[in-house]
Amino acid sequence: MLDTSEDSNHILLADDNAVNAEVTAALLERVGYTVDIAHNGQRAVEMAGQKAYCAMILDCRMPVLDGYATATIIRSQGDHHRTIPIIALSG
């Protein structure tokens, strides 16, 4: 069940490259965001179904589900998910 008590500075980051995920998370945390990391698209979908995020950053190329498929599934999960900013990450 989705916890809709959105934390206005909580971001979901999905990236299968551990080093890239840690560097990105550190940069976001440095400017005041709290970051949850998913290492594949399927896990990002699961996490998005459990917590309301202020934004999501999705790697375009990930195992299990790429960022495009992940964004499509998340967008279909309900009202909150239709309007959340989703940022594509490619590297």
PDB file of N, CA and C in Angstrom:
ATOM      1  N   MET A   1       0.838  -1.181   0.000  1.00  0.00           N
ATOM      2  CA  MET A   1       0.000   0.000   0.000  1.00  0.00           C
ATOM      3  C   MET A   1       0.883   1.244   0.000  1.00  0.00           C
ATOM      4  N   LEU A   2       0.507   2.240  -0.795  1.00  0.00           N
ATOM      5  CA  LEU A   2       1.288   3.458  -0.951  1.00  0.00           C
ATOM      6  C   LEU A   2       1.119   4.375   0.245  1.00  0.00           C
ATOM      7  N   ASP A   3       2.238   4.742   0.850  1.00  0.00           N
ATOM      8  CA  ASP A   3       2.247   5.747   1.905  1.00  0.00           C
ATOM      9  C   ASP A   3       2.224   7.100   1.204  1.00  0.00           C
ATOM     10  N   THR A   4       1.108   7.805   1.252  1.00  0.00           N
ATOM     11  CA  THR A   4       0.962   9.062   0.517  1.00  0.00           C
ATOM     12  C   THR A   4       1.428  10.275   1.297  1.00  0.00           C
ATOM     13  N   SER A   5       2.008  10.078   2.451  1.00  0.00           N
ATOM     14  CA  SER A   5       2.553  11.210   3.200  1.00  0.00           C
ATOM     15  C   SER A   5       3.897  11.578   2.578  1.00  0.00           C
ATOM     16  N   GLU A   6       3.810  12.209   1.417  1.00  0.00           N
ATOM     17  CA  GLU A   6       4.984  12.523   0.604  1.00  0.00           C
ATOM     18  C   GLU A   6       5.996  13.364   1.375  1.00  0.00           C
ATOM     19  N   ASP A   7       7.229  12.936   1.324  1.00  0.00           N
ATOM     20  CA  ASP A   7       8.330  13.707   1.876  1.00  0.00           C
ATOM     21  C   ASP A   7       8.809  14.602   0.736  1.00  0.00           C
ATOM     22  N   SER A   8       8.717  15.900   0.911  1.00  0.00           N
ATOM     23  CA  SER A   8       8.977  16.823  -0.186  1.00  0.00           C
ATOM     24  C   SER A   8      10.427  16.825  -0.656  1.00  0.00           C
ATOM     25  N   ASN A   9      11.300  16.105   0.008  1.00  0.00           N
ATOM     26  CA  ASN A   9      12.681  16.057  -0.465  1.00  0.00           C
ATOM     27  C   ASN A   9      13.191  14.626  -0.628  1.00  0.00           C
ATOM     28  N   HIS A  10      12.295  13.675  -0.816  1.00  0.00           N
ATOM     29  CA  HIS A  10      12.678  12.264  -0.917  1.00  0.00           C
ATOM     30  C   HIS A  10      12.626  11.824  -2.386  1.00  0.00           C
ATOM     31  N   ILE A  11      13.757  11.357  -2.893  1.00  0.00           N
ATOM     32  CA  ILE A  11      13.881  10.982  -4.306  1.00  0.00           C
ATOM     33  C   ILE A  11      14.178   9.486  -4.428  1.00  0.00           C
ATOM     34  N   LEU A  12      13.570   8.865  -5.434  1.00  0.00           N
ATOM     35  CA  LEU A  12      13.889   7.486  -5.790  1.00  0.00           C
ATOM     36  C   LEU A  12      14.865   7.523  -6.952  1.00  0.00           C
ATOM     37  N   LEU A  13      16.021   6.905  -6.779  1.00  0.00           N
ATOM     38  CA  LEU A  13      17.045   6.818  -7.810  1.00  0.00           C
ATOM     39  C   LEU A  13      17.186   5.365  -8.225  1.00  0.00           C
ATOM     40  N   ALA A  14      17.026   5.087  -9.511  1.00  0.00           N
ATOM     41  CA  ALA A  14      17.184   3.723 -10.020  1.00  0.00           C
ATOM     42  C   ALA A  14      18.348   3.697 -11.002  1.00  0.00           C
ATOM     43  N   ASP A  15      19.396   2.975 -10.628  1.00  0.00           N
ATOM     44  CA  ASP A  15      20.589   2.860 -11.471  1.00  0.00           C
ATOM     45  C   ASP A  15      21.266   1.537 -11.135  1.00  0.00           C
ATOM     46  N   ASP A  16      21.570   0.736 -12.139  1.00  0.00           N
ATOM     47  CA  ASP A  16      22.182  -0.567 -11.904  1.00  0.00           C
ATOM     48  C   ASP A  16      23.684  -0.486 -11.654  1.00  0.00           C
ATOM     49  N   ASN A  17      24.305   0.652 -11.941  1.00  0.00           N
ATOM     50  CA  ASN A  17      25.729   0.827 -11.698  1.00  0.00           C
ATOM     51  C   ASN A  17      25.908   1.391 -10.289  1.00  0.00           C
ATOM     52  N   ALA A  18      26.453   0.591  -9.399  1.00  0.00           N
ATOM     53  CA  ALA A  18      26.559   0.973  -7.985  1.00  0.00           C
ATOM     54  C   ALA A  18      27.367   2.252  -7.775  1.00  0.00           C
ATOM     55  N   VAL A  19      28.453   2.411  -8.515  1.00  0.00           N
ATOM     56  CA  VAL A  19      29.278   3.613  -8.361  1.00  0.00           C
ATOM     57  C   VAL A  19      28.501   4.847  -8.803  1.00  0.00           C
ATOM     58  N   ASN A  20      27.854   4.772  -9.962  1.00  0.00           N
ATOM     59  CA  ASN A  20      27.054   5.906 -10.442  1.00  0.00           C
ATOM     60  C   ASN A  20      25.933   6.238  -9.467  1.00  0.00           C
ATOM     61  N   ALA A  21      25.286   5.216  -8.930  1.00  0.00           N
ATOM     62  CA  ALA A  21      24.191   5.441  -7.985  1.00  0.00           C
ATOM     63  C   ALA A  21      24.694   6.139  -6.730  1.00  0.00           C
ATOM     64  N   GLU A  22      25.824   5.701  -6.204  1.00  0.00           N
ATOM     65  CA  GLU A  22      26.371   6.308  -4.990  1.00  0.00           C
ATOM     66  C   GLU A  22      26.810   7.747  -5.226  1.00  0.00           C
ATOM     67  N   VAL A  23      27.441   8.021  -6.359  1.00  0.00           N
ATOM     68  CA  VAL A  23      27.872   9.392  -6.672  1.00  0.00           C
ATOM     69  C   VAL A  23      26.655  10.299  -6.843  1.00  0.00           C
ATOM     70  N   THR A  24      25.663   9.847  -7.582  1.00  0.00           N
ATOM     71  CA  THR A  24      24.448  10.642  -7.789  1.00  0.00           C
ATOM     72  C   THR A  24      23.737  10.884  -6.469  1.00  0.00           C
ATOM     73  N   ALA A  25      23.606   9.847  -5.659  1.00  0.00           N
ATOM     74  CA  ALA A  25      22.949   9.994  -4.357  1.00  0.00           C
ATOM     75  C   ALA A  25      23.710  10.982  -3.481  1.00  0.00           C
ATOM     76  N   ALA A  26      25.032  10.901  -3.468  1.00  0.00           N
ATOM     77  CA  ALA A  26      25.833  11.815  -2.647  1.00  0.00           C
ATOM     78  C   ALA A  26      25.633  13.265  -3.081  1.00  0.00           C
ATOM     79  N   LEU A  27      25.575  13.499  -4.383  1.00  0.00           N
ATOM     80  CA  LEU A  27      25.345  14.861  -4.880  1.00  0.00           C
ATOM     81  C   LEU A  27      23.964  15.378  -4.469  1.00  0.00           C
ATOM     82  N   LEU A  28      22.965  14.523  -4.583  1.00  0.00           N
ATOM     83  CA  LEU A  28      21.606  14.925  -4.199  1.00  0.00           C
ATOM     84  C   LEU A  28      21.501  15.165  -2.691  1.00  0.00           C
ATOM     85  N   GLU A  29      22.134  14.307  -1.924  1.00  0.00           N
ATOM     86  CA  GLU A  29      22.107  14.463  -0.463  1.00  0.00           C
ATOM     87  C   GLU A  29      22.836  15.729  -0.032  1.00  0.00           C
ATOM     88  N   ARG A  30      23.854  16.086  -0.762  1.00  0.00           N
ATOM     89  CA  ARG A  30      24.622  17.298  -0.451  1.00  0.00           C
ATOM     90  C   ARG A  30      23.773  18.562  -0.560  1.00  0.00           C
ATOM     91  N   VAL A  31      22.765  18.539  -1.420  1.00  0.00           N
ATOM     92  CA  VAL A  31      21.885  19.705  -1.572  1.00  0.00           C
ATOM     93  C   VAL A  31      20.560  19.519  -0.834  1.00  0.00           C
ATOM     94  N   GLY A  32      20.488  18.509   0.035  1.00  0.00           N
ATOM     95  CA  GLY A  32      19.356  18.393   0.939  1.00  0.00           C
ATOM     96  C   GLY A  32      18.311  17.342   0.654  1.00  0.00           C
ATOM     97  N   TYR A  33      18.531  16.496  -0.356  1.00  0.00           N
ATOM     98  CA  TYR A  33      17.557  15.448  -0.650  1.00  0.00           C
ATOM     99  C   TYR A  33      17.899  14.175   0.118  1.00  0.00           C
ATOM    100  N   THR A  34      16.870  13.384   0.391  1.00  0.00           N
ATOM    101  CA  THR A  34      17.028  12.036   0.910  1.00  0.00           C
ATOM    102  C   THR A  34      16.814  11.108  -0.284  1.00  0.00           C
ATOM    103  N   VAL A  35      17.681  10.120  -0.440  1.00  0.00           N
ATOM    104  CA  VAL A  35      17.651   9.285  -1.648  1.00  0.00           C
ATOM    105  C   VAL A  35      17.508   7.812  -1.286  1.00  0.00           C
ATOM    106  N   ASP A  36      16.560   7.141  -1.939  1.00  0.00           N
ATOM    107  CA  ASP A  36      16.445   5.684  -1.884  1.00  0.00           C
ATOM    108  C   ASP A  36      16.949   5.159  -3.223  1.00  0.00           C
ATOM    109  N   ILE A  37      17.770   4.112  -3.190  1.00  0.00           N
ATOM    110  CA  ILE A  37      18.367   3.568  -4.410  1.00  0.00           C
ATOM    111  C   ILE A  37      17.776   2.204  -4.738  1.00  0.00           C
ATOM    112  N   ALA A  38      17.366   2.056  -5.993  1.00  0.00           N
ATOM    113  CA  ALA A  38      16.950   0.760  -6.544  1.00  0.00           C
ATOM    114  C   ALA A  38      17.977   0.387  -7.612  1.00  0.00           C
ATOM    115  N   HIS A  39      18.415  -0.864  -7.626  1.00  0.00           N
ATOM    116  CA  HIS A  39      19.449  -1.261  -8.576  1.00  0.00           C
ATOM    117  C   HIS A  39      18.903  -1.918  -9.844  1.00  0.00           C
ATOM    118  N   ASN A  40      17.578  -1.908  -9.999  1.00  0.00           N
ATOM    119  CA  ASN A  40      16.979  -2.326 -11.268  1.00  0.00           C
ATOM    120  C   ASN A  40      15.563  -1.755 -11.343  1.00  0.00           C
ATOM    121  N   GLY A  41      14.996  -1.786 -12.517  1.00  0.00           N
ATOM    122  CA  GLY A  41      13.682  -1.193 -12.728  1.00  0.00           C
ATOM    123  C   GLY A  41      12.570  -1.871 -11.954  1.00  0.00           C
ATOM    124  N   GLN A  42      12.624  -3.186 -11.842  1.00  0.00           N
ATOM    125  CA  GLN A  42      11.567  -3.894 -11.109  1.00  0.00           C
ATOM    126  C   GLN A  42      11.540  -3.454  -9.650  1.00  0.00           C
ATOM    127  N   ARG A  43      12.713  -3.325  -9.052  1.00  0.00           N
ATOM    128  CA  ARG A  43      12.780  -2.875  -7.652  1.00  0.00           C
ATOM    129  C   ARG A  43      12.277  -1.439  -7.536  1.00  0.00           C
ATOM    130  N   ALA A  44      12.552  -0.594  -8.516  1.00  0.00           N
ATOM    131  CA  ALA A  44      12.053   0.791  -8.499  1.00  0.00           C
ATOM    132  C   ALA A  44      10.530   0.816  -8.533  1.00  0.00           C
ATOM    133  N   VAL A  45       9.931  -0.050  -9.339  1.00  0.00           N
ATOM    134  CA  VAL A  45       8.471  -0.134  -9.396  1.00  0.00           C
ATOM    135  C   VAL A  45       7.920  -0.539  -8.031  1.00  0.00           C
ATOM    136  N   GLU A  46       8.546  -1.527  -7.412  1.00  0.00           N
ATOM    137  CA  GLU A  46       8.105  -1.972  -6.083  1.00  0.00           C
ATOM    138  C   GLU A  46       8.216  -0.843  -5.058  1.00  0.00           C
ATOM    139  N   MET A  47       9.335  -0.137  -5.062  1.00  0.00           N
ATOM    140  CA  MET A  47       9.554   0.942  -4.099  1.00  0.00           C
ATOM    141  C   MET A  47       8.584   2.103  -4.341  1.00  0.00           C
ATOM    142  N   ALA A  48       8.301   2.405  -5.606  1.00  0.00           N
ATOM    143  CA  ALA A  48       7.360   3.482  -5.929  1.00  0.00           C
ATOM    144  C   ALA A  48       5.952   3.133  -5.465  1.00  0.00           C
ATOM    145  N   GLY A  49       5.654   1.847  -5.390  1.00  0.00           N
ATOM    146  CA  GLY A  49       4.347   1.412  -4.909  1.00  0.00           C
ATOM    147  C   GLY A  49       4.209   1.470  -3.399  1.00  0.00           C
ATOM    148  N   GLN A  50       5.315   1.686  -2.703  1.00  0.00           N
ATOM    149  CA  GLN A  50       5.299   1.690  -1.248  1.00  0.00           C
ATOM    150  C   GLN A  50       5.425   3.074  -0.628  1.00  0.00           C
ATOM    151  N   LYS A  51       5.986   4.032  -1.357  1.00  0.00           N
ATOM    152  CA  LYS A  51       6.249   5.353  -0.795  1.00  0.00           C
ATOM    153  C   LYS A  51       6.024   6.420  -1.854  1.00  0.00           C
ATOM    154  N   ALA A  52       5.540   7.582  -1.424  1.00  0.00           N
ATOM    155  CA  ALA A  52       5.364   8.710  -2.340  1.00  0.00           C
ATOM    156  C   ALA A  52       6.662   9.517  -2.375  1.00  0.00           C
ATOM    157  N   TYR A  53       7.246   9.652  -3.542  1.00  0.00           N
ATOM    158  CA  TYR A  53       8.482  10.405  -3.729  1.00  0.00           C
ATOM    159  C   TYR A  53       8.170  11.754  -4.372  1.00  0.00           C
ATOM    160  N   CYS A  54       9.052  12.735  -4.164  1.00  0.00           N
ATOM    161  CA  CYS A  54       8.862  14.034  -4.803  1.00  0.00           C
ATOM    162  C   CYS A  54       9.352  13.998  -6.245  1.00  0.00           C
ATOM    163  N   ALA A  55      10.239  13.049  -6.563  1.00  0.00           N
ATOM    164  CA  ALA A  55      10.762  12.885  -7.922  1.00  0.00           C
ATOM    165  C   ALA A  55      11.433  11.526  -8.028  1.00  0.00           C
ATOM    166  N   MET A  56      11.630  11.093  -9.267  1.00  0.00           N
ATOM    167  CA  MET A  56      12.338   9.843  -9.532  1.00  0.00           C
ATOM    168  C   MET A  56      13.366  10.089 -10.619  1.00  0.00           C
ATOM    169  N   ILE A  57      14.521   9.479 -10.450  1.00  0.00           N
ATOM    170  CA  ILE A  57      15.572   9.537 -11.462  1.00  0.00           C
ATOM    171  C   ILE A  57      15.820   8.098 -11.893  1.00  0.00           C
ATOM    172  N   LEU A  58      15.596   7.825 -13.183  1.00  0.00           N
ATOM    173  CA  LEU A  58      15.682   6.456 -13.685  1.00  0.00           C
ATOM    174  C   LEU A  58      16.744   6.337 -14.768  1.00  0.00           C
ATOM    175  N   ASP A  59      17.651   5.402 -14.584  1.00  0.00           N
ATOM    176  CA  ASP A  59      18.632   5.080 -15.609  1.00  0.00           C
ATOM    177  C   ASP A  59      17.880   4.489 -16.802  1.00  0.00           C
ATOM    178  N   CYS A  60      18.217   4.947 -17.981  1.00  0.00           N
ATOM    179  CA  CYS A  60      17.528   4.457 -19.182  1.00  0.00           C
ATOM    180  C   CYS A  60      17.824   2.987 -19.469  1.00  0.00           C
ATOM    181  N   ARG A  61      19.023   2.541 -19.123  1.00  0.00           N
ATOM    182  CA  ARG A  61      19.446   1.162 -19.412  1.00  0.00           C
ATOM    183  C   ARG A  61      19.733   0.426 -18.116  1.00  0.00           C
ATOM    184  N   MET A  62      18.800  -0.439 -17.730  1.00  0.00           N
ATOM    185  CA  MET A  62      18.954  -1.258 -16.523  1.00  0.00           C
ATOM    186  C   MET A  62      18.502  -2.676 -16.824  1.00  0.00           C
ATOM    187  N   PRO A  63      18.979  -3.640 -16.031  1.00  0.00           N
ATOM    188  CA  PRO A  63      18.486  -5.010 -16.192  1.00  0.00           C
ATOM    189  C   PRO A  63      17.065  -5.133 -15.648  1.00  0.00           C
ATOM    190  N   VAL A  64      16.431  -6.189 -15.989  1.00  0.00           N
ATOM    191  CA  VAL A  64      15.076  -6.551 -15.572  1.00  0.00           C
ATOM    192  C   VAL A  64      14.065  -5.637 -16.259  1.00  0.00           C
ATOM    193  N   LEU A  65      14.058  -4.350 -15.953  1.00  0.00           N
ATOM    194  CA  LEU A  65      13.226  -3.346 -16.644  1.00  0.00           C
ATOM    195  C   LEU A  65      14.089  -2.125 -16.900  1.00  0.00           C
ATOM    196  N   ASP A  66      14.104  -1.628 -18.132  1.00  0.00           N
ATOM    197  CA  ASP A  66      14.854  -0.398 -18.375  1.00  0.00           C
ATOM    198  C   ASP A  66      14.065   0.806 -17.858  1.00  0.00           C
ATOM    199  N   GLY A  67      14.653   1.971 -17.891  1.00  0.00           N
ATOM    200  CA  GLY A  67      14.017   3.170 -17.367  1.00  0.00           C
ATOM    201  C   GLY A  67      12.720   3.537 -18.075  1.00  0.00           C
ATOM    202  N   TYR A  68      12.648   3.265 -19.375  1.00  0.00           N
ATOM    203  CA  TYR A  68      11.433   3.583 -20.134  1.00  0.00           C
ATOM    204  C   TYR A  68      10.258   2.717 -19.678  1.00  0.00           C
ATOM    205  N   ALA A  69      10.500   1.409 -19.581  1.00  0.00           N
ATOM    206  CA  ALA A  69       9.446   0.493 -19.133  1.00  0.00           C
ATOM    207  C   ALA A  69       9.077   0.777 -17.681  1.00  0.00           C
ATOM    208  N   THR A  70      10.077   1.085 -16.867  1.00  0.00           N
ATOM    209  CA  THR A  70       9.834   1.404 -15.462  1.00  0.00           C
ATOM    210  C   THR A  70       8.939   2.633 -15.341  1.00  0.00           C
ATOM    211  N   ALA A  71       9.248   3.680 -16.091  1.00  0.00           N
ATOM    212  CA  ALA A  71       8.440   4.910 -16.060  1.00  0.00           C
ATOM    213  C   ALA A  71       7.014   4.633 -16.511  1.00  0.00           C
ATOM    214  N   THR A  72       6.844   3.823 -17.538  1.00  0.00           N
ATOM    215  CA  THR A  72       5.508   3.491 -18.038  1.00  0.00           C
ATOM    216  C   THR A  72       4.687   2.783 -16.964  1.00  0.00           C
ATOM    217  N   ILE A  73       5.293   1.820 -16.292  1.00  0.00           N
ATOM    218  CA  ILE A  73       4.581   1.089 -15.239  1.00  0.00           C
ATOM    219  C   ILE A  73       4.256   2.012 -14.066  1.00  0.00           C
ATOM    220  N   ILE A  74       5.216   2.817 -13.650  1.00  0.00           N
ATOM    221  CA  ILE A  74       4.985   3.725 -12.529  1.00  0.00           C
ATOM    222  C   ILE A  74       3.871   4.715 -12.863  1.00  0.00           C
ATOM    223  N   ARG A  75       3.859   5.245 -14.069  1.00  0.00           N
ATOM    224  CA  ARG A  75       2.815   6.187 -14.478  1.00  0.00           C
ATOM    225  C   ARG A  75       1.418   5.555 -14.414  1.00  0.00           C
ATOM    226  N   SER A  76       1.337   4.249 -14.585  1.00  0.00           N
ATOM    227  CA  SER A  76       0.035   3.570 -14.591  1.00  0.00           C
ATOM    228  C   SER A  76      -0.456   3.205 -13.193  1.00  0.00           C
ATOM    229  N   GLN A  77       0.327   3.509 -12.155  1.00  0.00           N
ATOM    230  CA  GLN A  77       0.006   3.062 -10.801  1.00  0.00           C
ATOM    231  C   GLN A  77      -0.976   3.953 -10.044  1.00  0.00           C
ATOM    232  N   GLY A  78      -1.444   5.032 -10.609  1.00  0.00           N
ATOM    233  CA  GLY A  78      -2.419   5.840  -9.883  1.00  0.00           C
ATOM    234  C   GLY A  78      -2.161   7.323 -10.006  1.00  0.00           C
ATOM    235  N   ASP A  79      -3.039   8.095  -9.375  1.00  0.00           N
ATOM    236  CA  ASP A  79      -3.023   9.548  -9.524  1.00  0.00           C
ATOM    237  C   ASP A  79      -1.685  10.182  -9.162  1.00  0.00           C
ATOM    238  N   HIS A  80      -1.134   9.869  -8.002  1.00  0.00           N
ATOM    239  CA  HIS A  80       0.138  10.476  -7.599  1.00  0.00           C
ATOM    240  C   HIS A  80       1.236  10.188  -8.618  1.00  0.00           C
ATOM    241  N   HIS A  81       1.255   8.989  -9.134  1.00  0.00           N
ATOM    242  CA  HIS A  81       2.309   8.571 -10.048  1.00  0.00           C
ATOM    243  C   HIS A  81       2.169   9.184 -11.446  1.00  0.00           C
ATOM    244  N   ARG A  82       1.020   9.724 -11.762  1.00  0.00           N
ATOM    245  CA  ARG A  82       0.832  10.345 -13.077  1.00  0.00           C
ATOM    246  C   ARG A  82       1.478  11.725 -13.156  1.00  0.00           C
ATOM    247  N   THR A  83       1.717  12.342 -12.000  1.00  0.00           N
ATOM    248  CA  THR A  83       2.232  13.708 -12.000  1.00  0.00           C
ATOM    249  C   THR A  83       3.638  13.850 -11.421  1.00  0.00           C
ATOM    250  N   ILE A  84       4.173  12.811 -10.856  1.00  0.00           N
ATOM    251  CA  ILE A  84       5.506  12.890 -10.244  1.00  0.00           C
ATOM    252  C   ILE A  84       6.567  13.131 -11.336  1.00  0.00           C
ATOM    253  N   PRO A  85       7.493  14.045 -11.086  1.00  0.00           N
ATOM    254  CA  PRO A  85       8.569  14.246 -12.080  1.00  0.00           C
ATOM    255  C   PRO A  85       9.461  13.000 -12.188  1.00  0.00           C
ATOM    256  N   ILE A  86       9.661  12.542 -13.414  1.00  0.00           N
ATOM    257  CA  ILE A  86      10.565  11.426 -13.664  1.00  0.00           C
ATOM    258  C   ILE A  86      11.671  11.939 -14.593  1.00  0.00           C
ATOM    259  N   ILE A  87      12.907  11.813 -14.135  1.00  0.00           N
ATOM    260  CA  ILE A  87      14.062  12.328 -14.846  1.00  0.00           C
ATOM    261  C   ILE A  87      14.850  11.145 -15.408  1.00  0.00           C
ATOM    262  N   ALA A  88      15.153  11.201 -16.696  1.00  0.00           N
ATOM    263  CA  ALA A  88      15.936  10.133 -17.341  1.00  0.00           C
ATOM    264  C   ALA A  88      17.411  10.357 -17.077  1.00  0.00           C
ATOM    265  N   LEU A  89      18.113   9.265 -16.806  1.00  0.00           N
ATOM    266  CA  LEU A  89      19.553   9.299 -16.559  1.00  0.00           C
ATOM    267  C   LEU A  89      20.202   8.344 -17.537  1.00  0.00           C
ATOM    268  N   SER A  90      21.222   8.809 -18.223  1.00  0.00           N
ATOM    269  CA  SER A  90      21.915   7.958 -19.189  1.00  0.00           C
ATOM    270  C   SER A  90      23.411   8.188 -19.055  1.00  0.00           C
ATOM    271  N   GLY A  91      24.150   7.138 -19.214  1.00  0.00           N
ATOM    272  CA  GLY A  91      25.583   7.337 -19.044  1.00  0.00           C
ATOM    273  C   GLY A  91      26.427   6.417 -19.822  1.00  0.00           C
TER     274      GLY A  91
END
